[in-house]
Amino acid sequence: MDEIMPVLLWLDDVMYYPILVVVLVAAGLYFTVKTGLMQIRLFPECFRVVMEKPAAGGEVSSFQALMVSTASRVGTGNIIGISTAICLGGPGAVFWMWAIALIGGSTAFIESSLAQVFKRRSSLGLSYGGPAYYIESALHNRFLACTFAVFLILTYAGGFNMLCSYNLQSTFAAYSFYDKTVTPWIIGAVQALLVAYCILGGGKRIMKVTSVMVPVMGVIYILAAVVTILLNITYLPHVVGMILSNAFDFQSILGGIGGSCLMYGVKRGLFSNEAGIGSAPNAAASADVSHPVKQGLVQMFSVFLDTFLVCSATAFMCLMSGAEITKDVAGAPYVQNSVTAIFGDFGPIFITVAMVLFAFSTLIGNLYYVDNNLSFLHHGEPGKSFMTGFRLFCAFIVFIGAGLTMDAAWAIADILMACMALINIPSILILGNIALAAMKDYEKQKKEGKNPVFHAASIPGLDLNRLDFWKD
């Protein structure tokens, strides 16, 4: 790994600056303008559509689809990722994380609305889809769609799950029993066995308990951050000033942009909220809604929920604790030092428990996206023997991830995520007018006092022969 690290770090730097930063910002600003700043304008509507029930009993609701995508977004990246951004890039990374989420909300809206328009119907009458499906159906490019599907599988089964495994084991470094040559592999083996047990059909009780505990732990985590802020409320103006002054220190940014607060804010923000990389549309396509725009709004809301609530909670909890910011404590140690300053010896234990729950839900949730894209590549669900072997390999990848270095784990995840984004974003830029026309149709019906219902024939240029839904 030492031999290829310079190549990974170089590729990571080049792909994000200038390429991906320009693509992300340009696409986000373009869709923000074209939608008339819908992130602000239609934000109240998000709350209403999130709670809508599906038209048919047994179908996936908007709220359930939101929870699937949020389970993937709200994970170890919200804790370790933010800590890493602050320690390596500076407090200003928080501002650029907010900025990329704000403009990225419009991108998330477009990609998820497109996933709804071009979703497929299963033999059971349920819906599924995602970028691979709208790239094939609307752009008529099976090769590009398959390339995207391959990168998604590599990203979620490989890069993201390896990083998640590494992040989890790194939280145990705060304890006296931790041996950096042995403990990571032991924790990796336990994670791999639990993941294998669950994804091979067992572990239903474990998954049920986790599905209950993760939201509870999320609420407790937010409350802990609120307590930290309230106990140190006099430092709030100083912390906000520190974030803004560092964010706009352009002399420092231009002096080394690869390691600047701007770049870390973009990288960790994108990793956390996933706006534009093409993952959330896989969950969005499964929702039963009367209009594609409803699910687009729901997924935009998920981006804001992740960044402006959960990521900001970590950022303010750390910055207001007074814990020293150095590159040596990047990752779990900085968060644990921060909560120790407020909650004493209980702090590191709290973070470890939160990480275990978040990491486990992320490891399992990531494979939902993988299964959807394996089905796309195979023109249907792969054979049982193939899936058994593949899932065992996924569990092995979790084991390997625990033993990686921090730089290697983040670089692999960043590079694979960038490959997804660099296929998905140009695709939705080409197809964006379909989602924009759907948004106009939605707003027109709302003004008429109707509960919007989508009819594909009302969208100019939309080929009905390429659709499984919306023809009535």
Protein backbone atom coordinates (compact mmCIF):
# COMPACT_ATOMS: atom_id res chain seq x y z
CA MET A 1 0.00 0.00 0.00
CA ASP A 2 2.91 2.36 0.74
CA GLU A 3 4.05 2.06 -2.88
CA ILE A 4 0.74 3.14 -4.40
CA MET A 5 -0.18 5.82 -1.85
CA PRO A 6 1.54 8.65 -3.78
CA VAL A 7 -0.47 7.66 -6.86
CA LEU A 8 -3.75 7.52 -4.90
CA LEU A 9 -3.14 10.91 -3.29
CA TRP A 10 -2.17 12.49 -6.61
CA LEU A 11 -5.26 11.07 -8.34
CA ASP A 12 -7.44 12.19 -5.44
CA ASP A 13 -6.11 15.76 -5.69
CA VAL A 14 -6.42 15.98 -9.50
CA MET A 15 -9.95 14.56 -9.65
CA TYR A 16 -11.27 17.03 -7.09
CA TYR A 17 -9.38 20.13 -8.18
CA PRO A 18 -9.94 21.43 -10.70
CA ILE A 19 -12.26 18.78 -12.21
CA LEU A 20 -14.93 17.81 -9.67
CA VAL A 21 -15.08 21.12 -7.80
CA VAL A 22 -15.85 22.92 -11.07
CA VAL A 23 -18.41 20.28 -12.14
CA LEU A 24 -20.18 20.24 -8.75
CA VAL A 25 -20.36 23.99 -8.36
CA ALA A 26 -21.31 24.64 -11.99
CA ALA A 27 -24.09 22.03 -11.95
CA GLY A 28 -25.37 23.17 -8.56
CA LEU A 29 -25.48 26.83 -9.57
CA TYR A 30 -27.05 26.01 -12.94
CA PHE A 31 -29.87 24.00 -11.37
CA THR A 32 -30.30 26.57 -8.59
CA VAL A 33 -30.89 29.29 -11.17
CA LYS A 34 -33.05 27.12 -13.47
CA THR A 35 -35.28 26.04 -10.56
CA GLY A 36 -35.64 29.59 -9.26
CA LEU A 37 -33.78 28.91 -6.00
CA MET A 38 -36.12 26.05 -5.19
CA GLN A 39 -33.98 25.06 -2.17
CA ILE A 40 -35.46 28.06 -0.36
CA ARG A 41 -38.67 28.58 -2.31
CA LEU A 42 -40.01 25.02 -2.00
CA PHE A 43 -38.43 24.09 1.34
CA PRO A 44 -41.76 24.28 3.28
CA GLU A 45 -43.30 21.91 0.72
CA CYS A 46 -40.66 19.30 1.65
CA PHE A 47 -42.22 18.78 5.09
CA ARG A 48 -45.65 18.14 3.62
CA VAL A 49 -44.59 15.58 1.00
CA VAL A 50 -42.32 13.69 3.43
CA MET A 51 -45.34 12.64 5.47
CA GLU A 52 -47.55 11.65 2.52
CA LYS A 53 -48.67 8.04 2.52
CA PRO A 54 -48.30 5.88 -0.63
CA ALA A 55 -51.32 5.57 -2.89
CA ALA A 56 -51.36 1.78 -2.60
CA GLY A 57 -50.99 -0.24 0.60
CA GLY A 58 -47.70 -2.10 0.92
CA GLU A 59 -45.82 0.30 -1.36
CA VAL A 60 -42.72 2.25 -0.28
CA SER A 61 -43.63 5.69 1.08
CA SER A 62 -41.65 8.90 0.58
CA PHE A 63 -40.69 8.76 4.25
CA GLN A 64 -39.39 5.18 3.95
CA ALA A 65 -37.34 6.06 0.87
CA LEU A 66 -36.00 9.07 2.79
CA MET A 67 -34.95 6.79 5.66
CA VAL A 68 -33.09 4.43 3.31
CA SER A 69 -31.09 7.25 1.75
CA THR A 70 -30.58 8.97 5.12
CA ALA A 71 -29.34 5.72 6.69
CA SER A 72 -26.60 5.70 4.07
CA ARG A 73 -25.86 9.44 4.44
CA VAL A 74 -26.05 9.69 8.23
CA GLY A 75 -23.22 7.48 9.34
CA THR A 76 -19.59 7.57 10.26
CA GLY A 77 -18.93 10.40 7.79
CA ASN A 78 -21.01 12.77 9.92
CA ILE A 79 -18.68 12.19 12.85
CA ILE A 80 -15.25 11.15 11.58
CA GLY A 81 -15.54 12.95 8.25
CA ILE A 82 -16.27 16.32 9.82
CA SER A 83 -13.49 15.89 12.35
CA THR A 84 -11.05 15.04 9.55
CA ALA A 85 -12.11 18.09 7.53
CA ILE A 86 -11.62 20.44 10.48
CA CYS A 87 -8.28 19.00 11.59
CA LEU A 88 -6.73 18.75 8.13
CA GLY A 89 -8.42 21.65 6.35
CA GLY A 90 -9.28 24.03 9.17
CA PRO A 91 -12.57 25.29 10.67
CA GLY A 92 -13.43 27.01 7.38
CA ALA A 93 -14.15 23.57 5.90
CA VAL A 94 -17.49 23.72 7.74
CA PHE A 95 -18.59 26.77 5.74
CA TRP A 96 -17.69 25.15 2.39
CA MET A 97 -19.51 22.00 3.51
CA TRP A 98 -22.64 24.14 4.04
CA ALA A 99 -22.15 25.86 0.68
CA ILE A 100 -21.82 22.62 -1.28
CA ALA A 101 -24.95 21.27 0.45
CA LEU A 102 -26.97 24.40 -0.30
CA ILE A 103 -26.25 24.44 -4.01
CA GLY A 104 -26.16 20.63 -4.10
CA GLY A 105 -29.75 20.50 -2.89
CA SER A 106 -30.95 21.44 -6.37
CA THR A 107 -28.74 18.72 -7.91
CA ALA A 108 -30.21 16.15 -5.51
CA PHE A 109 -33.68 17.28 -6.51
CA ILE A 110 -32.98 16.84 -10.23
CA GLU A 111 -31.36 13.40 -9.99
CA SER A 112 -34.06 11.97 -7.73
CA SER A 113 -36.89 13.41 -9.82
CA LEU A 114 -35.33 11.80 -12.91
CA ALA A 115 -35.07 8.47 -11.07
CA GLN A 116 -38.81 8.66 -10.41
CA VAL A 117 -39.69 9.54 -14.01
CA PHE A 118 -37.66 6.63 -15.44
CA LYS A 119 -38.25 4.06 -12.69
CA ARG A 120 -39.00 0.45 -13.69
CA ARG A 121 -41.80 -1.87 -12.61
CA SER A 122 -40.93 -5.23 -11.03
CA SER A 123 -42.86 -8.46 -11.53
CA LEU A 124 -44.57 -7.73 -8.20
CA GLY A 125 -45.64 -4.28 -9.35
CA LEU A 126 -43.12 -2.44 -7.19
CA SER A 127 -40.77 0.22 -8.54
CA TYR A 128 -36.99 0.41 -8.73
CA GLY A 129 -34.43 2.47 -10.60
CA GLY A 130 -31.58 4.95 -10.33
CA PRO A 131 -28.98 6.66 -12.54
CA ALA A 132 -28.06 3.48 -14.43
CA TYR A 133 -31.68 3.15 -15.47
CA TYR A 134 -32.24 6.77 -16.56
CA ILE A 135 -28.91 6.85 -18.38
CA GLU A 136 -29.93 3.76 -20.36
CA SER A 137 -33.56 4.78 -20.93
CA ALA A 138 -33.14 8.49 -21.69
CA LEU A 139 -29.60 8.70 -23.07
CA HIS A 140 -29.85 5.32 -24.84
CA ASN A 141 -26.35 4.44 -23.65
CA ARG A 142 -26.15 1.00 -22.06
CA PHE A 143 -22.33 1.11 -21.88
CA LEU A 144 -22.27 4.35 -19.88
CA ALA A 145 -25.07 3.07 -17.66
CA CYS A 146 -23.15 -0.14 -16.96
CA THR A 147 -19.98 1.86 -16.24
CA PHE A 148 -21.88 3.90 -13.68
CA ALA A 149 -23.34 0.75 -12.11
CA VAL A 150 -19.86 -0.79 -11.82
CA PHE A 151 -18.46 2.33 -10.14
CA LEU A 152 -21.41 2.44 -7.73
CA ILE A 153 -20.77 -1.18 -6.74
CA LEU A 154 -17.05 -0.52 -6.30
CA THR A 155 -17.81 2.64 -4.28
CA TYR A 156 -20.41 1.24 -1.90
CA ALA A 157 -19.34 -2.38 -1.53
CA GLY A 158 -15.68 -1.39 -1.68
CA GLY A 159 -14.55 2.16 -0.97
CA PHE A 160 -17.31 3.33 1.39
CA ASN A 161 -17.56 0.08 3.35
CA MET A 162 -13.79 -0.13 3.76
CA LEU A 163 -13.76 3.46 4.99
CA CYS A 164 -16.67 2.79 7.34
CA SER A 165 -14.84 -0.24 8.76
CA TYR A 166 -11.66 1.80 9.26
CA ASN A 167 -13.53 4.67 10.92
CA LEU A 168 -15.23 2.33 13.37
CA GLN A 169 -12.06 0.59 14.48
CA SER A 170 -10.27 3.94 14.83
CA THR A 171 -12.66 4.94 17.64
CA PHE A 172 -11.15 2.18 19.81
CA ALA A 173 -7.70 3.81 19.64
CA ALA A 174 -8.70 5.86 22.70
CA TYR A 175 -8.68 2.78 24.93
CA SER A 176 -5.67 1.26 26.68
CA PHE A 177 -6.17 -2.21 25.18
CA TYR A 178 -5.77 -0.90 21.61
CA ASP A 179 -2.75 -2.29 19.73
CA LYS A 180 -2.50 -0.73 16.26
CA THR A 181 -0.97 -3.89 14.78
CA VAL A 182 -3.59 -6.33 16.10
CA THR A 183 -6.77 -4.59 17.32
CA PRO A 184 -7.88 -3.22 13.91
CA TRP A 185 -7.90 -6.73 12.45
CA ILE A 186 -9.85 -8.16 15.39
CA ILE A 187 -12.49 -5.42 15.12
CA GLY A 188 -12.53 -5.86 11.34
CA ALA A 189 -13.14 -9.59 11.73
CA VAL A 190 -16.05 -9.00 14.13
CA GLN A 191 -17.58 -6.46 11.74
CA ALA A 192 -17.15 -8.79 8.76
CA LEU A 193 -18.78 -11.74 10.57
CA LEU A 194 -21.77 -9.64 11.66
CA VAL A 195 -22.24 -8.20 8.17
CA ALA A 196 -21.97 -11.64 6.56
CA TYR A 197 -24.46 -13.09 9.05
CA CYS A 198 -27.01 -10.36 8.30
CA ILE A 199 -26.70 -10.15 4.51
CA LEU A 200 -26.77 -13.94 4.09
CA GLY A 201 -30.25 -14.06 5.55
CA GLY A 202 -29.66 -14.29 9.27
CA GLY A 203 -29.38 -11.57 11.87
CA LYS A 204 -32.96 -10.33 11.49
CA ARG A 205 -33.11 -9.60 15.20
CA ILE A 206 -29.81 -7.70 15.05
CA MET A 207 -31.07 -5.60 12.13
CA LYS A 208 -34.40 -4.97 13.87
CA VAL A 209 -32.69 -3.76 17.03
CA THR A 210 -30.31 -1.61 14.97
CA SER A 211 -33.17 -0.03 13.01
CA VAL A 212 -34.66 1.11 16.32
CA MET A 213 -31.41 2.09 18.02
CA VAL A 214 -29.89 4.13 15.19
CA PRO A 215 -32.61 6.84 15.15
CA VAL A 216 -32.55 6.92 18.97
CA MET A 217 -28.78 7.30 19.00
CA GLY A 218 -29.06 9.98 16.31
CA VAL A 219 -31.40 12.00 18.52
CA ILE A 220 -29.15 11.51 21.57
CA TYR A 221 -26.14 12.57 19.49
CA ILE A 222 -27.88 15.78 18.40
CA LEU A 223 -28.93 16.47 22.01
CA ALA A 224 -25.33 15.99 23.18
CA ALA A 225 -24.23 18.58 20.63
CA VAL A 226 -26.96 20.98 21.76
CA VAL A 227 -25.86 20.55 25.40
CA THR A 228 -22.26 21.28 24.39
CA ILE A 229 -23.32 24.44 22.55
CA LEU A 230 -25.49 25.65 25.46
CA LEU A 231 -22.74 25.02 28.02
CA ASN A 232 -20.34 27.05 25.88
CA ILE A 233 -22.79 29.52 24.38
CA THR A 234 -20.49 32.48 25.05
CA TYR A 235 -17.99 30.96 22.59
CA LEU A 236 -20.54 30.82 19.76
CA PRO A 237 -19.66 34.20 18.18
CA HIS A 238 -15.97 33.30 18.34
CA VAL A 239 -16.55 29.89 16.70
CA VAL A 240 -18.70 31.36 13.91
CA GLY A 241 -16.06 34.04 13.34
CA MET A 242 -13.34 31.38 13.24
CA ILE A 243 -15.28 29.37 10.61
CA LEU A 244 -15.89 32.41 8.39
CA SER A 245 -12.41 33.93 8.68
CA ASN A 246 -10.75 30.62 7.84
CA ALA A 247 -13.20 29.93 5.01
CA PHE A 248 -12.32 33.20 3.28
CA ASP A 249 -8.57 33.12 3.90
CA PHE A 250 -7.90 32.92 0.17
CA GLN A 251 -4.16 33.45 0.55
CA SER A 252 -3.98 30.23 2.54
CA ILE A 253 -6.39 28.40 0.19
CA LEU A 254 -4.50 29.35 -2.98
CA GLY A 255 -1.20 28.53 -1.29
CA GLY A 256 -2.12 24.84 -1.12
CA ILE A 257 -5.59 24.19 -2.45
CA GLY A 258 -5.36 20.40 -2.26
CA GLY A 259 -5.15 20.56 1.54
CA SER A 260 -7.24 23.70 2.03
CA CYS A 261 -10.45 24.16 3.95
CA LEU A 262 -12.24 24.61 0.60
CA MET A 263 -11.18 21.21 -0.69
CA TYR A 264 -11.83 19.35 2.56
CA GLY A 265 -15.21 21.04 2.85
CA VAL A 266 -16.13 19.88 -0.65
CA LYS A 267 -14.81 16.34 -0.18
CA ARG A 268 -16.27 15.65 3.24
CA GLY A 269 -19.49 17.50 2.40
CA LEU A 270 -19.97 15.40 -0.74
CA PHE A 271 -19.11 12.20 1.11
CA SER A 272 -21.63 13.01 3.81
CA ASN A 273 -24.63 14.32 1.83
CA GLU A 274 -23.97 12.47 -1.47
CA ALA A 275 -25.74 15.15 -3.54
CA GLY A 276 -25.02 14.52 -7.22
CA ILE A 277 -23.08 11.28 -6.98
CA GLY A 278 -26.10 9.19 -7.96
CA SER A 279 -26.69 7.05 -4.88
CA ALA A 280 -29.90 8.46 -3.37
CA PRO A 281 -31.84 8.13 -6.67
CA ASN A 282 -31.68 4.36 -6.18
CA ALA A 283 -33.79 4.78 -3.03
CA ALA A 284 -35.89 7.59 -4.51
CA ALA A 285 -37.04 5.38 -7.39
CA SER A 286 -38.60 2.87 -4.99
CA ALA A 287 -41.10 5.37 -3.52
CA ASP A 288 -44.78 5.28 -4.49
CA VAL A 289 -45.75 8.92 -5.12
CA SER A 290 -48.27 10.63 -7.36
CA HIS A 291 -45.64 12.95 -8.87
CA PRO A 292 -41.84 12.56 -9.35
CA VAL A 293 -41.19 16.03 -7.94
CA LYS A 294 -42.46 14.92 -4.54
CA GLN A 295 -39.58 12.48 -4.18
CA GLY A 296 -37.14 15.04 -5.56
CA LEU A 297 -38.16 17.38 -2.75
CA VAL A 298 -37.82 14.60 -0.19
CA GLN A 299 -34.26 13.81 -1.27
CA MET A 300 -33.34 17.50 -1.27
CA PHE A 301 -34.59 17.63 2.31
CA SER A 302 -32.38 14.64 3.15
CA VAL A 303 -29.29 16.55 1.99
CA PHE A 304 -30.16 19.45 4.27
CA LEU A 305 -31.00 17.12 7.17
CA ASP A 306 -27.62 15.47 6.86
CA THR A 307 -25.45 18.57 6.45
CA PHE A 308 -27.17 21.42 8.24
CA LEU A 309 -28.28 19.33 11.21
CA VAL A 310 -26.09 16.27 11.81
CA CYS A 311 -22.79 17.49 10.32
CA SER A 312 -23.21 20.91 11.91
CA ALA A 313 -23.88 19.22 15.25
CA THR A 314 -20.50 17.49 15.06
CA ALA A 315 -18.74 20.65 13.90
CA PHE A 316 -20.08 22.91 16.67
CA MET A 317 -19.72 20.23 19.34
CA CYS A 318 -16.03 19.90 18.46
CA LEU A 319 -15.21 23.57 17.88
CA MET A 320 -17.03 24.79 21.02
CA SER A 321 -15.46 22.20 23.29
CA GLY A 322 -12.10 23.95 23.20
CA ALA A 323 -10.27 20.72 22.25
CA GLU A 324 -7.00 21.40 20.45
CA ILE A 325 -7.12 21.12 16.64
CA THR A 326 -4.07 19.36 15.20
CA LYS A 327 -3.46 17.02 12.27
CA ASP A 328 -2.40 14.30 14.72
CA VAL A 329 -5.94 13.97 16.14
CA ALA A 330 -7.75 14.00 12.79
CA GLY A 331 -10.66 11.56 12.82
CA ALA A 332 -12.07 9.84 15.89
CA PRO A 333 -9.50 11.22 18.41
CA TYR A 334 -10.57 14.85 17.89
CA VAL A 335 -14.25 14.04 18.41
CA GLN A 336 -13.45 11.94 21.48
CA ASN A 337 -11.23 14.69 22.91
CA SER A 338 -14.08 17.16 22.36
CA VAL A 339 -16.75 15.12 24.14
CA THR A 340 -14.29 14.28 26.94
CA ALA A 341 -13.87 18.01 27.59
CA ILE A 342 -17.64 18.27 28.16
CA PHE A 343 -18.79 14.89 29.44
CA GLY A 344 -15.62 13.53 31.03
CA ASP A 345 -14.65 9.86 30.77
CA PHE A 346 -18.11 8.95 29.46
CA GLY A 347 -17.45 10.95 26.27
CA PRO A 348 -15.27 8.44 24.36
CA ILE A 349 -17.64 5.59 25.29
CA PHE A 350 -20.59 7.58 23.94
CA ILE A 351 -18.82 8.21 20.62
CA THR A 352 -17.80 4.55 20.34
CA VAL A 353 -21.38 3.34 20.88
CA ALA A 354 -22.70 5.90 18.36
CA MET A 355 -20.07 4.83 15.84
CA VAL A 356 -20.87 1.12 16.26
CA LEU A 357 -24.56 1.73 15.56
CA PHE A 358 -24.04 4.22 12.74
CA ALA A 359 -21.33 2.10 11.12
CA PHE A 360 -23.36 -1.11 11.20
CA SER A 361 -26.43 0.54 9.65
CA THR A 362 -24.20 2.13 6.99
CA LEU A 363 -22.43 -1.14 6.13
CA ILE A 364 -25.77 -2.90 5.58
CA GLY A 365 -27.54 0.08 3.97
CA ASN A 366 -24.77 0.58 1.41
CA LEU A 367 -25.40 -2.92 0.06
CA TYR A 368 -29.01 -1.98 -0.79
CA TYR A 369 -27.67 0.29 -3.54
CA VAL A 370 -25.26 -2.43 -4.64
CA ASP A 371 -28.01 -5.06 -5.08
CA ASN A 372 -30.05 -2.66 -7.23
CA ASN A 373 -27.14 -2.12 -9.61
CA LEU A 374 -26.15 -5.78 -9.74
CA SER A 375 -29.68 -6.47 -10.95
CA PHE A 376 -29.22 -3.81 -13.64
CA LEU A 377 -25.99 -5.39 -14.91
CA HIS A 378 -27.54 -8.89 -14.93
CA HIS A 379 -30.86 -7.79 -16.52
CA GLY A 380 -32.54 -9.14 -13.41
CA GLU A 381 -31.68 -10.60 -10.04
CA PRO A 382 -28.41 -12.60 -10.19
CA GLY A 383 -28.35 -16.29 -9.29
CA LYS A 384 -28.32 -17.40 -5.68
CA SER A 385 -24.80 -18.89 -5.82
CA PHE A 386 -23.40 -15.70 -7.35
CA MET A 387 -25.05 -13.52 -4.70
CA THR A 388 -23.79 -15.75 -1.88
CA GLY A 389 -20.23 -15.51 -3.17
CA PHE A 390 -20.52 -11.79 -3.78
CA ARG A 391 -21.87 -11.10 -0.29
CA LEU A 392 -19.09 -13.13 1.31
CA PHE A 393 -16.61 -11.05 -0.71
CA CYS A 394 -18.32 -7.86 0.54
CA ALA A 395 -17.85 -9.07 4.11
CA PHE A 396 -14.17 -9.77 3.38
CA ILE A 397 -13.80 -6.19 2.06
CA VAL A 398 -15.12 -4.93 5.43
CA PHE A 399 -12.37 -6.94 7.14
CA ILE A 400 -9.67 -5.49 4.85
CA GLY A 401 -10.89 -1.93 5.40
CA ALA A 402 -10.25 -2.08 9.13
CA GLY A 403 -6.53 -2.55 8.50
CA LEU A 404 -6.05 0.35 6.09
CA THR A 405 -4.34 3.61 6.95
CA MET A 406 -6.46 6.74 7.26
CA ASP A 407 -5.02 8.29 4.09
CA ALA A 408 -5.60 5.13 2.05
CA ALA A 409 -9.18 4.61 3.29
CA TRP A 410 -10.24 8.19 2.51
CA ALA A 411 -8.37 8.38 -0.83
CA ILE A 412 -9.95 5.18 -2.20
CA ALA A 413 -13.45 6.31 -1.16
CA ASP A 414 -12.93 9.82 -2.56
CA ILE A 415 -11.65 8.58 -5.94
CA LEU A 416 -14.46 6.06 -6.48
CA MET A 417 -17.10 8.60 -5.35
CA ALA A 418 -15.68 11.14 -7.81
CA CYS A 419 -15.95 8.61 -10.66
CA MET A 420 -19.67 8.19 -9.90
CA ALA A 421 -20.24 11.94 -9.81
CA LEU A 422 -18.34 12.55 -13.05
CA ILE A 423 -20.73 10.20 -14.87
CA ASN A 424 -23.96 11.16 -13.10
CA ILE A 425 -23.69 14.96 -13.09
CA PRO A 426 -23.08 15.39 -16.86
CA SER A 427 -25.95 12.94 -17.44
CA ILE A 428 -28.43 14.92 -15.36
CA LEU A 429 -27.25 18.15 -16.97
CA ILE A 430 -28.29 16.67 -20.31
CA LEU A 431 -31.58 15.32 -18.94
CA GLY A 432 -32.30 18.16 -16.53
CA ASN A 433 -34.98 19.78 -18.68
CA ILE A 434 -37.25 16.79 -18.06
CA ALA A 435 -37.05 17.30 -14.28
CA LEU A 436 -37.46 21.07 -14.71
CA ALA A 437 -40.59 20.56 -16.84
CA ALA A 438 -41.93 18.17 -14.19
CA MET A 439 -41.32 20.82 -11.52
CA LYS A 440 -43.28 23.42 -13.52
CA ASP A 441 -46.10 20.93 -13.93
CA TYR A 442 -46.09 20.25 -10.20
CA GLU A 443 -46.20 23.94 -9.26
CA LYS A 444 -48.94 24.61 -11.83
CA GLN A 445 -51.15 21.93 -10.30
CA LYS A 446 -50.42 23.20 -6.78
CA LYS A 447 -51.55 26.70 -7.76
CA GLU A 448 -54.78 25.17 -9.05
CA GLY A 449 -55.37 23.67 -5.62
CA LYS A 450 -54.78 20.09 -6.75
CA ASN A 451 -52.77 17.26 -5.27
CA PRO A 452 -50.28 17.01 -8.18
CA VAL A 453 -50.53 13.89 -10.33
CA PHE A 454 -47.94 13.29 -13.04
CA HIS A 455 -48.82 12.39 -16.64
CA ALA A 456 -45.76 11.82 -18.81
CA ALA A 457 -47.61 12.97 -21.93
CA SER A 458 -47.63 16.51 -20.52
CA ILE A 459 -43.83 16.71 -20.74
CA PRO A 460 -42.62 17.71 -24.25
CA GLY A 461 -40.08 15.34 -25.79
CA LEU A 462 -40.51 12.57 -23.20
CA ASP A 463 -40.60 9.18 -24.97
CA LEU A 464 -43.48 7.23 -23.40
CA ASN A 465 -42.15 3.98 -24.86
CA ARG A 466 -39.17 4.26 -22.51
CA LEU A 467 -41.34 4.47 -19.38
CA ASP A 468 -42.92 1.80 -17.18
CA PHE A 469 -44.93 4.31 -15.13
CA TRP A 470 -46.81 7.61 -15.63
CA LYS A 471 -48.49 6.67 -18.93
CA ASP A 472 -52.07 6.95 -17.67
